[in-house]
Amino acid sequence: MTDATLKNMTADSLLTDESAAVLLGVESRTIRAWRTRRGLPYIRITSRVIRIRKADLDRWLAQHLVAITRGDL
């Protein structure tokens, strides 16, 4: 995924597991695990084609934000 692609991404952009992983800097298997175990919303286009709306990813990430406290340092 190039910088230009990232800049042109809108809230309605549909991401593959791989493109969401690149965007977040994690492995694509992590995205799949988040979908199945942690409730990351996704759209099933066909039985084998799954997409994640960028707005849903952003909202899900905000819901899973963990604040750092002094004790965590």
Protein backbone atom coordinates (compact mmCIF):
# COMPACT_ATOMS: atom_id res chain seq x y z
CA MET A 1 0.00 0.00 0.00
CA THR A 2 1.55 3.29 -1.07
CA ASP A 3 1.41 6.64 0.71
CA ALA A 4 -0.81 7.97 -2.09
CA THR A 5 -3.25 5.11 -1.54
CA LEU A 6 -3.39 5.85 2.17
CA LYS A 7 -4.03 9.56 1.56
CA ASN A 8 -6.88 8.82 -0.86
CA MET A 9 -8.60 6.39 1.51
CA THR A 10 -12.05 7.48 2.68
CA ALA A 11 -14.27 6.21 5.47
CA ASP A 12 -16.15 4.17 2.85
CA SER A 13 -12.99 2.47 1.57
CA LEU A 14 -13.13 -1.30 1.71
CA LEU A 15 -9.99 -3.03 2.93
CA THR A 16 -8.78 -6.59 2.61
CA ASP A 17 -7.30 -8.26 5.66
CA GLU A 18 -3.91 -7.65 4.09
CA SER A 19 -4.44 -3.94 3.43
CA ALA A 20 -5.85 -3.41 6.95
CA ALA A 21 -2.79 -5.20 8.32
CA VAL A 22 -0.41 -2.96 6.34
CA LEU A 23 -2.31 0.11 7.50
CA LEU A 24 -1.95 -0.93 11.17
CA GLY A 25 1.50 -2.51 10.92
CA VAL A 26 0.37 -5.97 12.02
CA GLU A 27 0.20 -9.39 10.36
CA SER A 28 -2.87 -10.26 8.28
CA ARG A 29 -3.47 -13.24 10.59
CA THR A 30 -3.88 -10.72 13.42
CA ILE A 31 -6.68 -9.01 11.50
CA ARG A 32 -8.36 -12.40 10.91
CA ALA A 33 -8.06 -13.19 14.63
CA TRP A 34 -9.57 -9.82 15.56
CA ARG A 35 -12.49 -10.53 13.22
CA THR A 36 -13.19 -13.97 14.67
CA ARG A 37 -12.28 -13.48 18.34
CA ARG A 38 -12.58 -9.77 19.13
CA GLY A 39 -15.55 -8.65 17.05
CA LEU A 40 -13.88 -6.54 14.35
CA PRO A 41 -16.79 -5.74 11.97
CA TYR A 42 -16.52 -6.96 8.40
CA ILE A 43 -18.55 -7.39 5.23
CA ARG A 44 -18.82 -10.81 3.60
CA ILE A 45 -19.05 -10.20 -0.16
CA THR A 46 -18.99 -13.91 -1.06
CA SER A 47 -18.15 -17.02 0.91
CA ARG A 48 -14.43 -16.33 0.33
CA VAL A 49 -14.30 -12.55 -0.09
CA ILE A 50 -14.29 -10.45 3.06
CA ARG A 51 -13.77 -6.70 3.32
CA ILE A 52 -13.46 -4.29 6.22
CA ARG A 53 -14.87 -0.78 5.92
CA LYS A 54 -12.21 1.73 7.05
CA ALA A 55 -14.77 3.64 9.13
CA ASP A 56 -15.66 0.43 10.99
CA LEU A 57 -11.97 -0.30 11.58
CA ASP A 58 -11.38 3.21 12.93
CA ARG A 59 -14.44 2.97 15.21
CA TRP A 60 -13.43 -0.49 16.46
CA LEU A 61 -9.91 0.71 17.22
CA ALA A 62 -11.27 3.71 19.15
CA GLN A 63 -13.44 1.36 21.24
CA HIS A 64 -10.38 -0.73 22.11
CA LEU A 65 -8.16 2.19 23.07
CA VAL A 66 -6.29 1.63 26.32
CA ALA A 67 -5.15 4.66 28.26
CA ILE A 68 -1.62 4.60 29.63
CA THR A 69 -1.39 5.42 33.30
CA ARG A 70 1.71 6.23 35.36
CA GLY A 71 1.73 2.70 36.70
CA ASP A 72 2.06 1.33 33.15
CA LEU A 73 5.37 3.08 32.52
